[in-house]
Amino acid sequence: MSMFYIYLLFSKSLNKYHVGSTSKIEERLLKHNSNHKGFTGTTNDWQLAYFEEFATKFEAFKREKI
């Protein structure tokens, strides 16, 4: 059974936080730190500041939107 997560990332260079949800937290962090289009692609110093685990994607998504 797959687990789902909400996560909070922090970028020291931007002094900003980013919240998201995923089933593969390690892969998602690598994606955020890669050079890609979008807000998190502007820097590569994102660090995992916090996460919560959920049994379903719906629960994680619901928590992300709070």
N, C-alpha and C. Protein backbone atom coordinates (compact mmCIF):
# COMPACT_ATOMS: atom_id res chain seq x y z
N MET A 1 0.84 -1.19 0.00
CA MET A 1 0.00 0.00 0.00
C MET A 1 0.88 1.24 0.00
N SER A 2 0.63 2.13 -0.91
CA SER A 2 1.40 3.38 -1.01
C SER A 2 0.92 4.37 0.04
N MET A 3 1.87 5.11 0.56
CA MET A 3 1.54 6.20 1.48
C MET A 3 1.63 7.51 0.70
N PHE A 4 0.93 8.49 1.18
CA PHE A 4 0.95 9.82 0.57
C PHE A 4 1.40 10.83 1.60
N TYR A 5 1.99 11.90 1.14
CA TYR A 5 2.60 12.88 2.04
C TYR A 5 2.22 14.30 1.64
N ILE A 6 2.14 15.15 2.64
CA ILE A 6 2.21 16.59 2.39
C ILE A 6 3.57 16.98 2.92
N TYR A 7 4.17 17.98 2.28
CA TYR A 7 5.52 18.37 2.69
C TYR A 7 5.66 19.89 2.64
N LEU A 8 6.57 20.37 3.44
CA LEU A 8 6.91 21.78 3.48
C LEU A 8 8.40 21.89 3.20
N LEU A 9 8.73 22.63 2.14
CA LEU A 9 10.12 22.85 1.78
C LEU A 9 10.51 24.28 2.12
N PHE A 10 11.79 24.49 2.38
CA PHE A 10 12.30 25.83 2.65
C PHE A 10 13.53 26.08 1.79
N SER A 11 13.58 27.26 1.18
CA SER A 11 14.74 27.71 0.42
C SER A 11 15.39 28.87 1.17
N LYS A 12 16.61 28.67 1.61
CA LYS A 12 17.32 29.73 2.34
C LYS A 12 17.62 30.91 1.42
N SER A 13 18.00 30.64 0.17
CA SER A 13 18.36 31.73 -0.75
C SER A 13 17.16 32.61 -1.09
N LEU A 14 15.98 32.02 -1.15
CA LEU A 14 14.77 32.80 -1.43
C LEU A 14 14.05 33.25 -0.16
N ASN A 15 14.40 32.61 0.96
CA ASN A 15 13.71 32.84 2.23
C ASN A 15 12.20 32.61 2.06
N LYS A 16 11.88 31.49 1.39
CA LYS A 16 10.48 31.15 1.08
C LYS A 16 10.21 29.69 1.42
N TYR A 17 8.92 29.42 1.66
CA TYR A 17 8.45 28.06 1.87
C TYR A 17 7.60 27.63 0.68
N HIS A 18 7.51 26.32 0.49
CA HIS A 18 6.65 25.75 -0.55
C HIS A 18 5.99 24.51 0.03
N VAL A 19 4.68 24.37 -0.17
CA VAL A 19 3.95 23.19 0.31
C VAL A 19 3.47 22.38 -0.89
N GLY A 20 3.47 21.06 -0.75
CA GLY A 20 3.01 20.20 -1.81
C GLY A 20 2.60 18.84 -1.27
N SER A 21 2.16 17.97 -2.16
CA SER A 21 1.80 16.60 -1.78
C SER A 21 2.31 15.63 -2.83
N THR A 22 2.61 14.42 -2.41
CA THR A 22 3.20 13.41 -3.30
C THR A 22 3.11 12.03 -2.66
N SER A 23 3.35 11.00 -3.46
CA SER A 23 3.49 9.65 -2.92
C SER A 23 4.97 9.24 -2.88
N LYS A 24 5.83 10.04 -3.49
CA LYS A 24 7.27 9.72 -3.55
C LYS A 24 8.06 10.96 -3.12
N ILE A 25 8.20 11.13 -1.83
CA ILE A 25 8.75 12.38 -1.29
C ILE A 25 10.21 12.61 -1.70
N GLU A 26 11.02 11.55 -1.75
CA GLU A 26 12.43 11.73 -2.12
C GLU A 26 12.56 12.17 -3.58
N GLU A 27 11.79 11.53 -4.46
CA GLU A 27 11.82 11.91 -5.87
C GLU A 27 11.31 13.32 -6.08
N ARG A 28 10.30 13.70 -5.33
CA ARG A 28 9.73 15.04 -5.47
C ARG A 28 10.73 16.10 -5.06
N LEU A 29 11.47 15.87 -3.99
CA LEU A 29 12.49 16.82 -3.55
C LEU A 29 13.57 16.98 -4.62
N LEU A 30 13.98 15.88 -5.24
CA LEU A 30 14.96 15.96 -6.33
C LEU A 30 14.41 16.80 -7.49
N LYS A 31 13.15 16.64 -7.81
CA LYS A 31 12.52 17.41 -8.89
C LYS A 31 12.52 18.90 -8.55
N HIS A 32 12.15 19.24 -7.31
CA HIS A 32 12.13 20.65 -6.90
C HIS A 32 13.53 21.28 -7.00
N ASN A 33 14.55 20.49 -6.75
CA ASN A 33 15.92 21.01 -6.79
C ASN A 33 16.57 20.91 -8.16
N SER A 34 15.82 20.50 -9.17
CA SER A 34 16.34 20.45 -10.53
C SER A 34 15.99 21.75 -11.26
N ASN A 35 16.69 21.99 -12.33
CA ASN A 35 16.45 23.19 -13.13
C ASN A 35 15.22 22.94 -14.00
N HIS A 36 14.07 23.47 -13.59
CA HIS A 36 12.84 23.29 -14.33
C HIS A 36 12.03 24.59 -14.29
N LYS A 37 11.04 24.67 -15.15
CA LYS A 37 10.17 25.85 -15.14
C LYS A 37 9.29 25.79 -13.91
N GLY A 38 8.95 26.93 -13.39
CA GLY A 38 8.10 26.99 -12.20
C GLY A 38 8.82 27.63 -11.04
N PHE A 39 8.07 27.89 -10.01
CA PHE A 39 8.57 28.61 -8.84
C PHE A 39 9.77 27.94 -8.20
N THR A 40 9.72 26.64 -7.95
CA THR A 40 10.82 25.99 -7.24
C THR A 40 12.04 25.73 -8.12
N GLY A 41 11.91 25.88 -9.43
CA GLY A 41 13.03 25.67 -10.33
C GLY A 41 14.01 26.82 -10.38
N THR A 42 13.71 27.91 -9.70
CA THR A 42 14.58 29.08 -9.73
C THR A 42 15.81 28.95 -8.84
N THR A 43 15.81 27.96 -7.95
CA THR A 43 16.96 27.72 -7.07
C THR A 43 17.04 26.23 -6.78
N ASN A 44 18.16 25.78 -6.26
CA ASN A 44 18.30 24.35 -5.98
C ASN A 44 18.70 24.08 -4.54
N ASP A 45 18.26 24.94 -3.63
CA ASP A 45 18.61 24.72 -2.22
C ASP A 45 17.39 24.36 -1.35
N TRP A 46 16.35 23.79 -1.97
CA TRP A 46 15.15 23.40 -1.21
C TRP A 46 15.49 22.27 -0.25
N GLN A 47 15.05 22.43 0.99
CA GLN A 47 15.25 21.40 2.01
C GLN A 47 13.91 21.04 2.62
N LEU A 48 13.76 19.77 2.96
CA LEU A 48 12.53 19.30 3.58
C LEU A 48 12.49 19.83 5.01
N ALA A 49 11.49 20.67 5.30
CA ALA A 49 11.36 21.26 6.63
C ALA A 49 10.36 20.49 7.48
N TYR A 50 9.36 19.83 6.82
CA TYR A 50 8.31 19.15 7.56
C TYR A 50 7.54 18.25 6.59
N PHE A 51 6.99 17.14 7.11
CA PHE A 51 6.09 16.33 6.30
C PHE A 51 5.12 15.59 7.21
N GLU A 52 3.99 15.21 6.64
CA GLU A 52 2.99 14.37 7.30
C GLU A 52 2.63 13.25 6.35
N GLU A 53 2.32 12.08 6.90
CA GLU A 53 2.00 10.90 6.12
C GLU A 53 0.50 10.60 6.19
N PHE A 54 -0.07 10.17 5.06
CA PHE A 54 -1.50 9.86 4.98
C PHE A 54 -1.71 8.56 4.23
N ALA A 55 -2.82 7.90 4.52
CA ALA A 55 -3.15 6.63 3.88
C ALA A 55 -3.67 6.81 2.47
N THR A 56 -4.29 7.96 2.18
CA THR A 56 -4.87 8.17 0.85
C THR A 56 -4.42 9.50 0.25
N LYS A 57 -4.45 9.56 -1.07
CA LYS A 57 -4.12 10.78 -1.79
C LYS A 57 -5.10 11.90 -1.43
N PHE A 58 -6.37 11.55 -1.30
CA PHE A 58 -7.39 12.53 -0.95
C PHE A 58 -7.10 13.19 0.39
N GLU A 59 -6.72 12.40 1.40
CA GLU A 59 -6.41 12.95 2.72
C GLU A 59 -5.21 13.90 2.65
N ALA A 60 -4.19 13.51 1.91
CA ALA A 60 -3.00 14.36 1.78
C ALA A 60 -3.34 15.66 1.06
N PHE A 61 -4.09 15.55 -0.03
CA PHE A 61 -4.47 16.74 -0.80
C PHE A 61 -5.33 17.67 0.05
N LYS A 62 -6.25 17.11 0.80
CA LYS A 62 -7.11 17.91 1.68
C LYS A 62 -6.28 18.67 2.71
N ARG A 63 -5.30 18.00 3.30
CA ARG A 63 -4.44 18.64 4.30
C ARG A 63 -3.56 19.72 3.67
N GLU A 64 -3.09 19.47 2.45
CA GLU A 64 -2.26 20.44 1.74
C GLU A 64 -2.99 21.77 1.56
N LYS A 65 -4.29 21.72 1.35
CA LYS A 65 -5.07 22.92 1.06
C LYS A 65 -5.48 23.71 2.30
N ILE A 66 -5.19 23.20 3.48
CA ILE A 66 -5.54 23.93 4.72
C ILE A 66 -4.64 25.12 4.91
